[in-house]
Amino acid sequence: MPGGSKHPAYEQIAAIATAKGLNLKNGKGNDPDTLGKKVVYVMDSDKFPFYQGEVYHQYHNDFQSPAYGDAYNKLADMAIPEGRIKLSGCPDRI
């Protein structure tokens, strides 16, 4: 989020996360793994911009948990024409 924890919507998002048993922490880069800890790092996108990898790596299933389902997996098909993700030129599923 632009501004990270200073974003205007942060308090609302934090309240929702807390209600779901999650703890938001400010990400600093090179943060430790959160697997099983119910911690979500909030990154300031002004300091840590998004660098997209191959389209295949956007919206695919986690390899260590149950499949997320077709609706999630098909989000990339919507994100490409909307310009939210771009074809990278790397060999891909498309």
C-alpha atoms as a PDB file:
ATOM      1  CA  MET A   1       0.000   0.000   0.000  1.00  0.00           C
ATOM      2  CA  PRO A   2       1.309   3.474  -0.735  1.00  0.00           C
ATOM      3  CA  GLY A   3       2.455   4.815   2.621  1.00  0.00           C
ATOM      4  CA  GLY A   4       2.264   1.395   4.290  1.00  0.00           C
ATOM      5  CA  SER A   5       0.795   1.736   7.786  1.00  0.00           C
ATOM      6  CA  LYS A   6       0.286   5.473   7.162  1.00  0.00           C
ATOM      7  CA  HIS A   7      -2.180   4.753   4.320  1.00  0.00           C
ATOM      8  CA  PRO A   8      -5.649   6.209   5.059  1.00  0.00           C
ATOM      9  CA  ALA A   9      -7.270   2.745   4.878  1.00  0.00           C
ATOM     10  CA  TYR A  10      -4.711   1.073   7.154  1.00  0.00           C
ATOM     11  CA  GLU A  11      -6.771   1.248  10.373  1.00  0.00           C
ATOM     12  CA  GLN A  12      -9.794  -0.277   8.637  1.00  0.00           C
ATOM     13  CA  ILE A  13      -7.649  -3.052   7.145  1.00  0.00           C
ATOM     14  CA  ALA A  14      -5.946  -3.658  10.514  1.00  0.00           C
ATOM     15  CA  ALA A  15      -9.337  -4.010  12.223  1.00  0.00           C
ATOM     16  CA  ILE A  16     -10.457  -6.588   9.656  1.00  0.00           C
ATOM     17  CA  ALA A  17      -7.163  -8.468   9.990  1.00  0.00           C
ATOM     18  CA  THR A  18      -7.402  -8.482  13.793  1.00  0.00           C
ATOM     19  CA  ALA A  19     -10.974  -9.800  13.612  1.00  0.00           C
ATOM     20  CA  LYS A  20      -9.636 -12.689  11.511  1.00  0.00           C
ATOM     21  CA  GLY A  21      -6.829 -13.416  13.990  1.00  0.00           C
ATOM     22  CA  LEU A  22      -4.066 -11.833  11.907  1.00  0.00           C
ATOM     23  CA  ASN A  23      -1.384  -9.439  13.089  1.00  0.00           C
ATOM     24  CA  LEU A  24      -0.163  -6.736  10.696  1.00  0.00           C
ATOM     25  CA  LYS A  25       3.477  -5.662  10.944  1.00  0.00           C
ATOM     26  CA  ASN A  26       5.416  -3.058   9.018  1.00  0.00           C
ATOM     27  CA  GLY A  27       7.573  -4.774   6.422  1.00  0.00           C
ATOM     28  CA  LYS A  28      11.162  -3.636   6.228  1.00  0.00           C
ATOM     29  CA  GLY A  29      12.430  -5.896   3.442  1.00  0.00           C
ATOM     30  CA  ASN A  30      14.141  -9.245   3.973  1.00  0.00           C
ATOM     31  CA  ASP A  31      11.566  -9.997   6.685  1.00  0.00           C
ATOM     32  CA  PRO A  32      11.450 -13.521   8.133  1.00  0.00           C
ATOM     33  CA  ASP A  33       8.951 -16.149   6.973  1.00  0.00           C
ATOM     34  CA  THR A  34       5.489 -15.926   8.534  1.00  0.00           C
ATOM     35  CA  LEU A  35       4.292 -19.468   7.819  1.00  0.00           C
ATOM     36  CA  GLY A  36       2.002 -20.530  10.666  1.00  0.00           C
ATOM     37  CA  LYS A  37       2.474 -17.256  12.576  1.00  0.00           C
ATOM     38  CA  LYS A  38      -0.649 -15.373  11.380  1.00  0.00           C
ATOM     39  CA  VAL A  39       1.527 -12.350  10.597  1.00  0.00           C
ATOM     40  CA  VAL A  40       1.068 -10.235   7.469  1.00  0.00           C
ATOM     41  CA  TYR A  41       3.750  -7.743   6.507  1.00  0.00           C
ATOM     42  CA  VAL A  42       2.440  -4.448   5.183  1.00  0.00           C
ATOM     43  CA  MET A  43       4.847  -3.053   2.632  1.00  0.00           C
ATOM     44  CA  ASP A  44       4.991   0.616   1.694  1.00  0.00           C
ATOM     45  CA  SER A  45       4.799   0.431  -2.100  1.00  0.00           C
ATOM     46  CA  ASP A  46       6.458   3.857  -2.317  1.00  0.00           C
ATOM     47  CA  LYS A  47       9.579   2.315  -0.748  1.00  0.00           C
ATOM     48  CA  PHE A  48       9.132  -1.236  -2.061  1.00  0.00           C
ATOM     49  CA  PRO A  49       7.643  -1.058  -5.577  1.00  0.00           C
ATOM     50  CA  PHE A  50       6.109  -4.096  -7.215  1.00  0.00           C
ATOM     51  CA  TYR A  51       8.287  -5.952  -9.717  1.00  0.00           C
ATOM     52  CA  GLN A  52       6.242  -8.449 -11.656  1.00  0.00           C
ATOM     53  CA  GLY A  53       7.640 -11.849 -12.537  1.00  0.00           C
ATOM     54  CA  GLU A  54       6.296 -14.240 -15.144  1.00  0.00           C
ATOM     55  CA  VAL A  55       2.517 -14.282 -15.569  1.00  0.00           C
ATOM     56  CA  TYR A  56       2.598 -17.912 -14.428  1.00  0.00           C
ATOM     57  CA  HIS A  57       3.649 -16.760 -10.960  1.00  0.00           C
ATOM     58  CA  GLN A  58       0.631 -14.470 -10.624  1.00  0.00           C
ATOM     59  CA  TYR A  59      -2.477 -16.122  -9.186  1.00  0.00           C
ATOM     60  CA  HIS A  60      -1.284 -19.709  -9.127  1.00  0.00           C
ATOM     61  CA  ASN A  61      -1.797 -22.259  -6.370  1.00  0.00           C
ATOM     62  CA  ASP A  62       0.539 -22.526  -3.430  1.00  0.00           C
ATOM     63  CA  PHE A  63       2.474 -25.744  -3.768  1.00  0.00           C
ATOM     64  CA  GLN A  64       2.179 -26.578  -0.060  1.00  0.00           C
ATOM     65  CA  SER A  65      -1.549 -26.082   0.509  1.00  0.00           C
ATOM     66  CA  PRO A  66      -4.816 -27.107  -1.137  1.00  0.00           C
ATOM     67  CA  ALA A  67      -5.603 -25.554  -4.521  1.00  0.00           C
ATOM     68  CA  TYR A  68      -7.165 -22.088  -4.379  1.00  0.00           C
ATOM     69  CA  GLY A  69      -9.690 -22.905  -7.097  1.00  0.00           C
ATOM     70  CA  ASP A  70     -10.483 -21.885 -10.651  1.00  0.00           C
ATOM     71  CA  ALA A  71     -11.925 -18.471  -9.781  1.00  0.00           C
ATOM     72  CA  TYR A  72      -8.618 -17.428  -8.192  1.00  0.00           C
ATOM     73  CA  ASN A  73      -6.483 -19.048 -10.868  1.00  0.00           C
ATOM     74  CA  LYS A  74      -8.377 -17.196 -13.627  1.00  0.00           C
ATOM     75  CA  LEU A  75      -7.690 -13.753 -12.114  1.00  0.00           C
ATOM     76  CA  ALA A  76      -4.583 -13.461 -14.315  1.00  0.00           C
ATOM     77  CA  ASP A  77      -6.800 -13.808 -17.399  1.00  0.00           C
ATOM     78  CA  MET A  78      -8.711 -10.712 -16.232  1.00  0.00           C
ATOM     79  CA  ALA A  79      -5.652  -8.794 -14.988  1.00  0.00           C
ATOM     80  CA  ILE A  80      -3.814  -8.907 -18.337  1.00  0.00           C
ATOM     81  CA  PRO A  81      -6.410  -7.051 -20.456  1.00  0.00           C
ATOM     82  CA  GLU A  82      -7.023  -4.647 -17.538  1.00  0.00           C
ATOM     83  CA  GLY A  83      -3.292  -3.814 -17.528  1.00  0.00           C
ATOM     84  CA  ARG A  84      -2.744  -4.834 -13.881  1.00  0.00           C
ATOM     85  CA  ILE A  85      -0.178  -7.425 -14.991  1.00  0.00           C
ATOM     86  CA  LYS A  86       1.697  -7.603 -18.269  1.00  0.00           C
ATOM     87  CA  LEU A  87       3.125 -10.354 -20.402  1.00  0.00           C
ATOM     88  CA  SER A  88       6.803 -10.528 -19.489  1.00  0.00           C
ATOM     89  CA  GLY A  89       8.176 -12.144 -22.627  1.00  0.00           C
ATOM     90  CA  CYS A  90       9.366 -15.137 -20.645  1.00  0.00           C
ATOM     91  CA  PRO A  91       8.031 -18.576 -21.554  1.00  0.00           C
ATOM     92  CA  ASP A  92       4.682 -18.748 -19.890  1.00  0.00           C
ATOM     93  CA  ARG A  93       1.297 -20.426 -19.739  1.00  0.00           C
ATOM     94  CA  ILE A  94      -0.121 -17.919 -22.241  1.00  0.00           C
END
